[in-house]
Amino acid sequence: MRVRAVQVKGVLQRSRLTSYVINPYTGCVHGCVYCYARFMKRFTAHSEAWGTFLDAKVNAPEVLSAELARRREPLREEVLLSSVTDPYQPPERKCRLTRRLLEVLLEHGAPISILTKSDLVLRDIDLLQRFECCTVGFSLGMLDEELAHRMEPRASTPARRLLALRSLRDHGIRTYAFISPCLPGLTDLDKSVEAVSGIADEIGVEAINPHGGNWRGVEKVLRQHYSGLLEECRSLCNDQRYWDSMEARAHQLARRYGIHMTGFYRH
């Protein structure tokens, strides 16, 4: 795995997902077969397959500091880390870009939200506790360890993510679980919501996105290891009645466990 150091001119970006977003890296080495962010390769000069390269924006903390210093008013809108990469993928242990960005955001009193698949986020609890407004969430689309390893080969295991959620909550940090992607026949929504009850303040649920090249990797795994579910999964991915029932069930489960539901997202 090659990690390339790159220089950037801007870091803080407006986003449709939230007010602002920061992506410390371009690419992601978790290798999730369904990754939605693979479209980013259109904007890079990489010939390598998505999931096998990473660009580290080594000057990002300094650029962010300059951007925030130029603002006329303090940043009071939420900043998400991250939207098209994982801020805590394995090279972050050495690069420490996310930690340095958090230090800058903390200095300026910015509210933050983190979305990751890695329990490496626990390294930064000392910083996260000092934010006035901080939420940390984990993508958790499947609980089965074998299935998760095949779909998300270099991400933290579901068990480790659940333990990390509990640890964050125990340290007074607001948490959420993003049950994404929901795979028909493979994601057990009932068990997923039950697993995060008591350790996640909020949940969101997202249907698998079968478009833009995301389906090919999923289909390969299903064909190799879950061939009996392939046709059902493929058919239900585009069945709106199926997702209607899933959305209704998600709301029902959220009410049962007393968890705030942020939304049910489709493609």
C-alpha atoms as a PDB file:
ATOM      1  CA  MET A   1       0.000   0.000   0.000  1.00  0.00           C
ATOM      2  CA  ARG A   2       1.528   3.304  -1.104  1.00  0.00           C
ATOM      3  CA  VAL A   3       0.796   6.455   0.889  1.00  0.00           C
ATOM      4  CA  ARG A   4       1.655   9.589  -1.066  1.00  0.00           C
ATOM      5  CA  ALA A   5       2.215  12.974   0.596  1.00  0.00           C
ATOM      6  CA  VAL A   6       0.377  15.788  -1.195  1.00  0.00           C
ATOM      7  CA  GLN A   7      -0.021  19.514  -0.621  1.00  0.00           C
ATOM      8  CA  VAL A   8      -3.459  21.157  -0.783  1.00  0.00           C
ATOM      9  CA  LYS A   9      -4.658  24.746  -1.038  1.00  0.00           C
ATOM     10  CA  GLY A  10      -7.984  24.301   0.746  1.00  0.00           C
ATOM     11  CA  VAL A  11      -9.356  21.988   3.433  1.00  0.00           C
ATOM     12  CA  LEU A  12     -12.679  23.256   4.791  1.00  0.00           C
ATOM     13  CA  GLN A  13     -15.411  22.594   2.226  1.00  0.00           C
ATOM     14  CA  ARG A  14     -19.137  23.246   2.095  1.00  0.00           C
ATOM     15  CA  SER A  15     -21.150  20.032   1.923  1.00  0.00           C
ATOM     16  CA  ARG A  16     -24.660  18.839   1.154  1.00  0.00           C
ATOM     17  CA  LEU A  17     -24.343  16.315   3.995  1.00  0.00           C
ATOM     18  CA  THR A  18     -23.764  18.912   6.692  1.00  0.00           C
ATOM     19  CA  SER A  19     -22.521  22.478   6.889  1.00  0.00           C
ATOM     20  CA  TYR A  20     -18.817  21.765   6.324  1.00  0.00           C
ATOM     21  CA  VAL A  21     -16.637  18.741   5.706  1.00  0.00           C
ATOM     22  CA  ILE A  22     -12.929  17.998   5.992  1.00  0.00           C
ATOM     23  CA  ASN A  23     -11.325  15.018   4.246  1.00  0.00           C
ATOM     24  CA  PRO A  24      -7.744  14.572   5.539  1.00  0.00           C
ATOM     25  CA  TYR A  25      -7.010  11.980   2.858  1.00  0.00           C
ATOM     26  CA  THR A  26      -7.861  11.199  -0.738  1.00  0.00           C
ATOM     27  CA  GLY A  27      -8.659   7.519  -1.110  1.00  0.00           C
ATOM     28  CA  CYS A  28      -9.187   4.913   1.594  1.00  0.00           C
ATOM     29  CA  VAL A  29      -7.381   1.677   2.311  1.00  0.00           C
ATOM     30  CA  HIS A  30     -10.223  -0.049   4.159  1.00  0.00           C
ATOM     31  CA  GLY A  31     -11.108  -1.661   0.830  1.00  0.00           C
ATOM     32  CA  CYS A  32     -14.893  -1.811   1.335  1.00  0.00           C
ATOM     33  CA  VAL A  33     -16.280  -3.502  -1.772  1.00  0.00           C
ATOM     34  CA  TYR A  34     -19.401  -1.289  -1.842  1.00  0.00           C
ATOM     35  CA  CYS A  35     -17.543   2.008  -1.325  1.00  0.00           C
ATOM     36  CA  TYR A  36     -19.600   4.957  -2.592  1.00  0.00           C
ATOM     37  CA  ALA A  37     -16.591   7.264  -2.708  1.00  0.00           C
ATOM     38  CA  ARG A  38     -14.929   5.485  -5.628  1.00  0.00           C
ATOM     39  CA  PHE A  39     -16.269   8.239  -7.891  1.00  0.00           C
ATOM     40  CA  MET A  40     -13.449  10.377  -6.451  1.00  0.00           C
ATOM     41  CA  LYS A  41     -11.000   8.534  -8.665  1.00  0.00           C
ATOM     42  CA  ARG A  42     -12.275  10.675 -11.553  1.00  0.00           C
ATOM     43  CA  PHE A  43     -10.518  13.598  -9.878  1.00  0.00           C
ATOM     44  CA  THR A  44      -7.204  11.888  -9.113  1.00  0.00           C
ATOM     45  CA  ALA A  45      -4.279  10.841 -11.282  1.00  0.00           C
ATOM     46  CA  HIS A  46      -4.190   7.306  -9.912  1.00  0.00           C
ATOM     47  CA  SER A  47      -4.103   4.263 -12.142  1.00  0.00           C
ATOM     48  CA  GLU A  48      -4.404   1.964  -9.110  1.00  0.00           C
ATOM     49  CA  ALA A  49      -7.727   0.436  -8.183  1.00  0.00           C
ATOM     50  CA  TRP A  50      -9.850   2.290  -5.638  1.00  0.00           C
ATOM     51  CA  GLY A  51      -9.018   1.056  -2.167  1.00  0.00           C
ATOM     52  CA  THR A  52      -5.330   0.455  -2.943  1.00  0.00           C
ATOM     53  CA  PHE A  53      -3.950   3.997  -2.746  1.00  0.00           C
ATOM     54  CA  LEU A  54      -3.964   6.892  -0.344  1.00  0.00           C
ATOM     55  CA  ASP A  55      -2.953  10.538  -0.607  1.00  0.00           C
ATOM     56  CA  ALA A  56      -2.200  12.190   2.736  1.00  0.00           C
ATOM     57  CA  LYS A  57      -2.843  15.940   2.738  1.00  0.00           C
ATOM     58  CA  VAL A  58       0.210  16.650   4.843  1.00  0.00           C
ATOM     59  CA  ASN A  59      -0.271  20.424   5.078  1.00  0.00           C
ATOM     60  CA  ALA A  60      -3.994  20.200   5.889  1.00  0.00           C
ATOM     61  CA  PRO A  61      -3.706  21.301   9.563  1.00  0.00           C
ATOM     62  CA  GLU A  62      -1.745  24.433   8.633  1.00  0.00           C
ATOM     63  CA  VAL A  63      -4.137  25.252   5.784  1.00  0.00           C
ATOM     64  CA  LEU A  64      -7.148  24.802   8.064  1.00  0.00           C
ATOM     65  CA  SER A  65      -5.599  27.045  10.699  1.00  0.00           C
ATOM     66  CA  ALA A  66      -5.126  29.791   8.098  1.00  0.00           C
ATOM     67  CA  GLU A  67      -8.672  29.340   6.771  1.00  0.00           C
ATOM     68  CA  LEU A  68     -10.213  29.675  10.224  1.00  0.00           C
ATOM     69  CA  ALA A  69      -8.014  32.652  11.114  1.00  0.00           C
ATOM     70  CA  ARG A  70      -9.290  34.531   8.036  1.00  0.00           C
ATOM     71  CA  ARG A  71     -12.943  34.131   9.001  1.00  0.00           C
ATOM     72  CA  ARG A  72     -14.733  37.266  10.161  1.00  0.00           C
ATOM     73  CA  GLU A  73     -16.750  35.269  12.680  1.00  0.00           C
ATOM     74  CA  PRO A  74     -15.989  32.062  14.597  1.00  0.00           C
ATOM     75  CA  LEU A  75     -17.086  28.836  12.921  1.00  0.00           C
ATOM     76  CA  ARG A  76     -20.274  27.713  14.656  1.00  0.00           C
ATOM     77  CA  GLU A  77     -21.600  25.300  12.026  1.00  0.00           C
ATOM     78  CA  GLU A  78     -20.854  21.582  12.247  1.00  0.00           C
ATOM     79  CA  VAL A  79     -17.746  20.185  10.588  1.00  0.00           C
ATOM     80  CA  LEU A  80     -17.851  16.539   9.494  1.00  0.00           C
ATOM     81  CA  LEU A  81     -14.764  14.337   9.347  1.00  0.00           C
ATOM     82  CA  SER A  82     -15.197  12.821   6.774  1.00  0.00           C
ATOM     83  CA  SER A  83     -17.405  12.316   3.698  1.00  0.00           C
ATOM     84  CA  VAL A  84     -15.305  10.558   1.018  1.00  0.00           C
ATOM     85  CA  THR A  85     -12.561   8.985   3.116  1.00  0.00           C
ATOM     86  CA  ASP A  86     -12.171   7.549   6.598  1.00  0.00           C
ATOM     87  CA  PRO A  87     -10.383   9.900   8.985  1.00  0.00           C
ATOM     88  CA  TYR A  88      -9.131   6.963  11.077  1.00  0.00           C
ATOM     89  CA  GLN A  89      -7.939   4.440   8.510  1.00  0.00           C
ATOM     90  CA  PRO A  90      -4.702   2.563   9.396  1.00  0.00           C
ATOM     91  CA  PRO A  91      -2.124   5.105   8.049  1.00  0.00           C
ATOM     92  CA  GLU A  92      -3.575   7.714  10.436  1.00  0.00           C
ATOM     93  CA  ARG A  93      -1.636   5.970  13.226  1.00  0.00           C
ATOM     94  CA  LYS A  94       1.557   7.357  11.701  1.00  0.00           C
ATOM     95  CA  CYS A  95       0.309  10.403   9.767  1.00  0.00           C
ATOM     96  CA  ARG A  96      -1.771  11.816  12.658  1.00  0.00           C
ATOM     97  CA  LEU A  97      -3.469  14.254  10.270  1.00  0.00           C
ATOM     98  CA  THR A  98      -6.906  13.810  11.811  1.00  0.00           C
ATOM     99  CA  ARG A  99      -5.560  14.401  15.302  1.00  0.00           C
ATOM    100  CA  ARG A 100      -3.762  17.580  14.213  1.00  0.00           C
ATOM    101  CA  LEU A 101      -6.905  18.820  12.452  1.00  0.00           C
ATOM    102  CA  LEU A 102      -8.900  18.189  15.620  1.00  0.00           C
ATOM    103  CA  GLU A 103      -6.403  20.264  17.577  1.00  0.00           C
ATOM    104  CA  VAL A 104      -6.978  23.192  15.193  1.00  0.00           C
ATOM    105  CA  LEU A 105     -10.765  22.822  15.335  1.00  0.00           C
ATOM    106  CA  LEU A 106     -10.673  22.638  19.121  1.00  0.00           C
ATOM    107  CA  GLU A 107      -8.588  25.800  19.303  1.00  0.00           C
ATOM    108  CA  HIS A 108     -11.273  27.618  17.290  1.00  0.00           C
ATOM    109  CA  GLY A 109     -14.209  26.123  19.195  1.00  0.00           C
ATOM    110  CA  ALA A 110     -15.815  24.503  16.150  1.00  0.00           C
ATOM    111  CA  PRO A 111     -18.562  21.875  16.585  1.00  0.00           C
ATOM    112  CA  ILE A 112     -17.594  18.542  15.020  1.00  0.00           C
ATOM    113  CA  SER A 113     -19.008  15.216  13.913  1.00  0.00           C
ATOM    114  CA  ILE A 114     -16.901  12.173  13.063  1.00  0.00           C
ATOM    115  CA  LEU A 115     -17.897   9.162  10.954  1.00  0.00           C
ATOM    116  CA  THR A 116     -15.540   6.192  10.837  1.00  0.00           C
ATOM    117  CA  LYS A 117     -15.217   2.405  10.686  1.00  0.00           C
ATOM    118  CA  SER A 118     -12.169   2.339  12.937  1.00  0.00           C
ATOM    119  CA  ASP A 119     -11.724   2.104  16.687  1.00  0.00           C
ATOM    120  CA  LEU A 120      -8.531   4.144  16.267  1.00  0.00           C
ATOM    121  CA  VAL A 121     -10.782   7.098  17.112  1.00  0.00           C
ATOM    122  CA  LEU A 122     -10.386   6.053  20.765  1.00  0.00           C
ATOM    123  CA  ARG A 123      -6.810   7.364  20.608  1.00  0.00           C
ATOM    124  CA  ASP A 124      -8.209  10.901  20.497  1.00  0.00           C
ATOM    125  CA  ILE A 125     -10.699  10.711  23.369  1.00  0.00           C
ATOM    126  CA  ASP A 126      -8.581  13.234  25.261  1.00  0.00           C
ATOM    127  CA  LEU A 127      -9.287  15.816  22.546  1.00  0.00           C
ATOM    128  CA  LEU A 128     -12.875  14.822  21.840  1.00  0.00           C
ATOM    129  CA  GLN A 129     -13.888  15.290  25.471  1.00  0.00           C
ATOM    130  CA  ARG A 130     -12.749  18.917  25.331  1.00  0.00           C
ATOM    131  CA  PHE A 131     -15.081  19.926  22.481  1.00  0.00           C
ATOM    132  CA  GLU A 132     -18.210  21.759  23.526  1.00  0.00           C
ATOM    133  CA  CYS A 133     -20.104  19.994  20.736  1.00  0.00           C
ATOM    134  CA  CYS A 134     -18.828  16.630  19.464  1.00  0.00           C
ATOM    135  CA  THR A 135     -20.548  13.561  18.029  1.00  0.00           C
ATOM    136  CA  VAL A 136     -18.796  10.360  16.937  1.00  0.00           C
ATOM    137  CA  GLY A 137     -20.454   7.732  14.780  1.00  0.00           C
ATOM    138  CA  PHE A 138     -19.609   4.356  13.299  1.00  0.00           C
ATOM    139  CA  SER A 139     -20.802   2.868  10.029  1.00  0.00           C
ATOM    140  CA  LEU A 140     -22.108  -0.559  10.990  1.00  0.00           C
ATOM    141  CA  GLY A 141     -23.991  -2.255   8.174  1.00  0.00           C
ATOM    142  CA  MET A 142     -23.386  -5.830   9.259  1.00  0.00           C
ATOM    143  CA  LEU A 143     -22.670  -7.605  12.542  1.00  0.00           C
ATOM    144  CA  ASP A 144     -21.478 -10.954  11.184  1.00  0.00           C
ATOM    145  CA  GLU A 145     -17.682 -10.928  11.464  1.00  0.00           C
ATOM    146  CA  GLU A 146     -17.056 -13.145   8.446  1.00  0.00           C
ATOM    147  CA  LEU A 147     -19.384 -11.152   6.212  1.00  0.00           C
ATOM    148  CA  ALA A 148     -17.862  -7.883   7.404  1.00  0.00           C
ATOM    149  CA  HIS A 149     -14.334  -9.126   6.684  1.00  0.00           C
ATOM    150  CA  ARG A 150     -15.339  -9.980   3.137  1.00  0.00           C
ATOM    151  CA  MET A 151     -17.144  -6.688   2.549  1.00  0.00           C
ATOM    152  CA  GLU A 152     -14.835  -4.395   4.578  1.00  0.00           C
ATOM    153  CA  PRO A 153     -11.503  -6.262   4.655  1.00  0.00           C
ATOM    154  CA  ARG A 154      -9.307  -3.671   6.394  1.00  0.00           C
ATOM    155  CA  ALA A 155     -11.829  -1.920   8.653  1.00  0.00           C
ATOM    156  CA  SER A 156     -12.160  -2.607  12.379  1.00  0.00           C
ATOM    157  CA  THR A 157     -14.391  -5.574  13.098  1.00  0.00           C
ATOM    158  CA  PRO A 158     -18.032  -4.938  14.049  1.00  0.00           C
ATOM    159  CA  ALA A 159     -17.284  -6.144  17.582  1.00  0.00           C
ATOM    160  CA  ARG A 160     -14.489  -3.602  17.981  1.00  0.00           C
ATOM    161  CA  ARG A 161     -16.717  -0.820  16.642  1.00  0.00           C
ATOM    162  CA  LEU A 162     -19.417  -1.682  19.169  1.00  0.00           C
ATOM    163  CA  LEU A 163     -16.860  -1.665  21.986  1.00  0.00           C
ATOM    164  CA  ALA A 164     -15.581   1.703  20.776  1.00  0.00           C
ATOM    165  CA  LEU A 165     -19.113   3.125  20.760  1.00  0.00           C
ATOM    166  CA  ARG A 166     -19.553   2.005  24.355  1.00  0.00           C
ATOM    167  CA  SER A 167     -16.213   3.478  25.399  1.00  0.00           C
ATOM    168  CA  LEU A 168     -16.993   6.834  23.786  1.00  0.00           C
ATOM    169  CA  ARG A 169     -20.405   6.924  25.436  1.00  0.00           C
ATOM    170  CA  ASP A 170     -18.821   6.042  28.790  1.00  0.00           C
ATOM    171  CA  HIS A 171     -16.481   9.016  28.357  1.00  0.00           C
ATOM    172  CA  GLY A 172     -19.417  11.381  27.900  1.00  0.00           C
ATOM    173  CA  ILE A 173     -19.173  11.744  24.118  1.00  0.00           C
ATOM    174  CA  ARG A 174     -22.370  11.763  22.080  1.00  0.00           C
ATOM    175  CA  THR A 175     -22.519   8.774  19.715  1.00  0.00           C
ATOM    176  CA  TYR A 176     -24.447   7.534  16.714  1.00  0.00           C
ATOM    177  CA  ALA A 177     -24.615   4.384  14.621  1.00  0.00           C
ATOM    178  CA  PHE A 178     -25.024   4.555  10.864  1.00  0.00           C
ATOM    179  CA  ILE A 179     -26.467   1.215   9.778  1.00  0.00           C
ATOM    180  CA  SER A 180     -25.039   1.357   6.303  1.00  0.00           C
ATOM    181  CA  PRO A 181     -25.171  -0.216   3.868  1.00  0.00           C
ATOM    182  CA  CYS A 182     -28.293  -2.292   4.374  1.00  0.00           C
ATOM    183  CA  LEU A 183     -27.917  -5.374   2.184  1.00  0.00           C
ATOM    184  CA  PRO A 184     -31.149  -7.315   1.510  1.00  0.00           C
ATOM    185  CA  GLY A 185     -30.891 -10.811   2.956  1.00  0.00           C
ATOM    186  CA  LEU A 186     -27.626 -10.018   4.763  1.00  0.00           C
ATOM    187  CA  THR A 187     -28.193  -7.043   7.076  1.00  0.00           C
ATOM    188  CA  ASP A 188     -30.274  -8.000  10.113  1.00  0.00           C
ATOM    189  CA  LEU A 189     -31.849  -4.661  10.990  1.00  0.00           C
ATOM    190  CA  ASP A 190     -33.450  -5.927  14.207  1.00  0.00           C
ATOM    191  CA  LYS A 191     -30.164  -7.262  15.586  1.00  0.00           C
ATOM    192  CA  SER A 192     -28.260  -4.175  14.450  1.00  0.00           C
ATOM    193  CA  VAL A 193     -30.538  -1.745  16.271  1.00  0.00           C
ATOM    194  CA  GLU A 194     -30.613  -3.972  19.345  1.00  0.00           C
ATOM    195  CA  ALA A 195     -26.785  -4.128  19.330  1.00  0.00           C
ATOM    196  CA  VAL A 196     -26.400  -0.336  19.457  1.00  0.00           C
ATOM    197  CA  SER A 197     -29.202   0.314  21.939  1.00  0.00           C
ATOM    198  CA  GLY A 198     -27.769   1.854  25.071  1.00  0.00           C
ATOM    199  CA  ILE A 199     -24.480   2.848  23.392  1.00  0.00           C
ATOM    200  CA  ALA A 200     -25.703   5.042  20.518  1.00  0.00           C
ATOM    201  CA  ASP A 201     -27.710   8.225  21.055  1.00  0.00           C
ATOM    202  CA  GLU A 202     -28.884   8.260  17.427  1.00  0.00           C
ATOM    203  CA  ILE A 203     -29.158   5.932  14.468  1.00  0.00           C
ATOM    204  CA  GLY A 204     -29.408   6.427  10.742  1.00  0.00           C
ATOM    205  CA  VAL A 205     -30.148   3.703   8.207  1.00  0.00           C
ATOM    206  CA  GLU A 206     -29.013   3.666   4.581  1.00  0.00           C
ATOM    207  CA  ALA A 207     -30.001   1.365   1.734  1.00  0.00           C
ATOM    208  CA  ILE A 208     -27.224  -0.087  -0.410  1.00  0.00           C
ATOM    209  CA  ASN A 209     -26.406   2.071  -3.400  1.00  0.00           C
ATOM    210  CA  PRO A 210     -26.356  -0.323  -6.390  1.00  0.00           C
ATOM    211  CA  HIS A 211     -25.243   2.349  -8.851  1.00  0.00           C
ATOM    212  CA  GLY A 212     -21.992   3.914 -10.013  1.00  0.00           C
ATOM    213  CA  GLY A 213     -19.884   0.749  -9.928  1.00  0.00           C
ATOM    214  CA  ASN A 214     -20.672   0.025  -6.279  1.00  0.00           C
ATOM    215  CA  TRP A 215     -22.600  -3.151  -7.042  1.00  0.00           C
ATOM    216  CA  ARG A 216     -19.794  -5.005  -8.849  1.00  0.00           C
ATOM    217  CA  GLY A 217     -17.768  -5.610  -5.695  1.00  0.00           C
ATOM    218  CA  VAL A 218     -20.836  -6.665  -3.729  1.00  0.00           C
ATOM    219  CA  GLU A 219     -21.894  -9.062  -6.478  1.00  0.00           C
ATOM    220  CA  LYS A 220     -18.430 -10.630  -6.569  1.00  0.00           C
ATOM    221  CA  VAL A 221     -18.524 -11.383  -2.839  1.00  0.00           C
ATOM    222  CA  LEU A 222     -22.086 -12.698  -3.039  1.00  0.00           C
ATOM    223  CA  ARG A 223     -21.285 -14.918  -6.015  1.00  0.00           C
ATOM    224  CA  GLN A 224     -18.236 -16.397  -4.259  1.00  0.00           C
ATOM    225  CA  HIS A 225     -19.620 -16.848  -0.756  1.00  0.00           C
ATOM    226  CA  TYR A 226     -23.404 -16.307  -0.673  1.00  0.00           C
ATOM    227  CA  SER A 227     -24.555 -17.449  -4.094  1.00  0.00           C
ATOM    228  CA  GLY A 228     -27.970 -18.478  -2.788  1.00  0.00           C
ATOM    229  CA  LEU A 229     -28.700 -14.863  -1.840  1.00  0.00           C
ATOM    230  CA  LEU A 230     -27.393 -13.179  -4.981  1.00  0.00           C
ATOM    231  CA  GLU A 231     -30.596 -13.017  -7.019  1.00  0.00           C
ATOM    232  CA  GLU A 232     -32.744 -12.038  -4.035  1.00  0.00           C
ATOM    233  CA  CYS A 233     -30.355  -9.282  -3.034  1.00  0.00           C
ATOM    234  CA  ARG A 234     -30.059  -7.977  -6.592  1.00  0.00           C
ATOM    235  CA  SER A 235     -33.839  -7.928  -7.031  1.00  0.00           C
ATOM    236  CA  LEU A 236     -34.660  -6.283  -3.703  1.00  0.00           C
ATOM    237  CA  CYS A 237     -32.058  -3.544  -4.124  1.00  0.00           C
ATOM    238  CA  ASN A 238     -34.417  -1.799  -6.558  1.00  0.00           C
ATOM    239  CA  ASP A 239     -37.692  -2.815  -4.921  1.00  0.00           C
ATOM    240  CA  GLN A 240     -39.195   0.313  -3.356  1.00  0.00           C
ATOM    241  CA  ARG A 241     -41.820  -1.692  -1.463  1.00  0.00           C
ATOM    242  CA  TYR A 242     -39.036  -3.616   0.244  1.00  0.00           C
ATOM    243  CA  TRP A 243     -37.337  -0.386   1.334  1.00  0.00           C
ATOM    244  CA  ASP A 244     -40.685   1.054   2.435  1.00  0.00           C
ATOM    245  CA  SER A 245     -41.086  -1.879   4.800  1.00  0.00           C
ATOM    246  CA  MET A 246     -37.479  -1.539   5.984  1.00  0.00           C
ATOM    247  CA  GLU A 247     -37.965   2.144   6.717  1.00  0.00           C
ATOM    248  CA  ALA A 248     -41.135   1.466   8.689  1.00  0.00           C
ATOM    249  CA  ARG A 249     -39.352  -1.274  10.635  1.00  0.00           C
ATOM    250  CA  ALA A 250     -36.397   1.022  11.380  1.00  0.00           C
ATOM    251  CA  HIS A 251     -38.675   3.661  12.896  1.00  0.00           C
ATOM    252  CA  GLN A 252     -40.486   0.986  14.888  1.00  0.00           C
ATOM    253  CA  LEU A 253     -37.206  -0.351  16.297  1.00  0.00           C
ATOM    254  CA  ALA A 254     -35.946   3.134  17.130  1.00  0.00           C
ATOM    255  CA  ARG A 255     -39.101   3.772  19.147  1.00  0.00           C
ATOM    256  CA  ARG A 256     -38.814   0.395  20.889  1.00  0.00           C
ATOM    257  CA  TYR A 257     -35.265   1.077  22.061  1.00  0.00           C
ATOM    258  CA  GLY A 258     -35.709   4.794  22.683  1.00  0.00           C
ATOM    259  CA  ILE A 259     -33.100   5.869  20.124  1.00  0.00           C
ATOM    260  CA  HIS A 260     -33.493   9.028  18.075  1.00  0.00           C
ATOM    261  CA  MET A 261     -33.577   8.216  14.346  1.00  0.00           C
ATOM    262  CA  THR A 262     -31.934  10.765  12.086  1.00  0.00           C
ATOM    263  CA  GLY A 263     -33.296   9.336   8.855  1.00  0.00           C
ATOM    264  CA  PHE A 264     -33.636   6.496   6.379  1.00  0.00           C
ATOM    265  CA  TYR A 265     -31.561   7.155   3.270  1.00  0.00           C
ATOM    266  CA  ARG A 266     -32.155   5.720  -0.211  1.00  0.00           C
ATOM    267  CA  HIS A 267     -30.458   6.025  -3.580  1.00  0.00           C
END
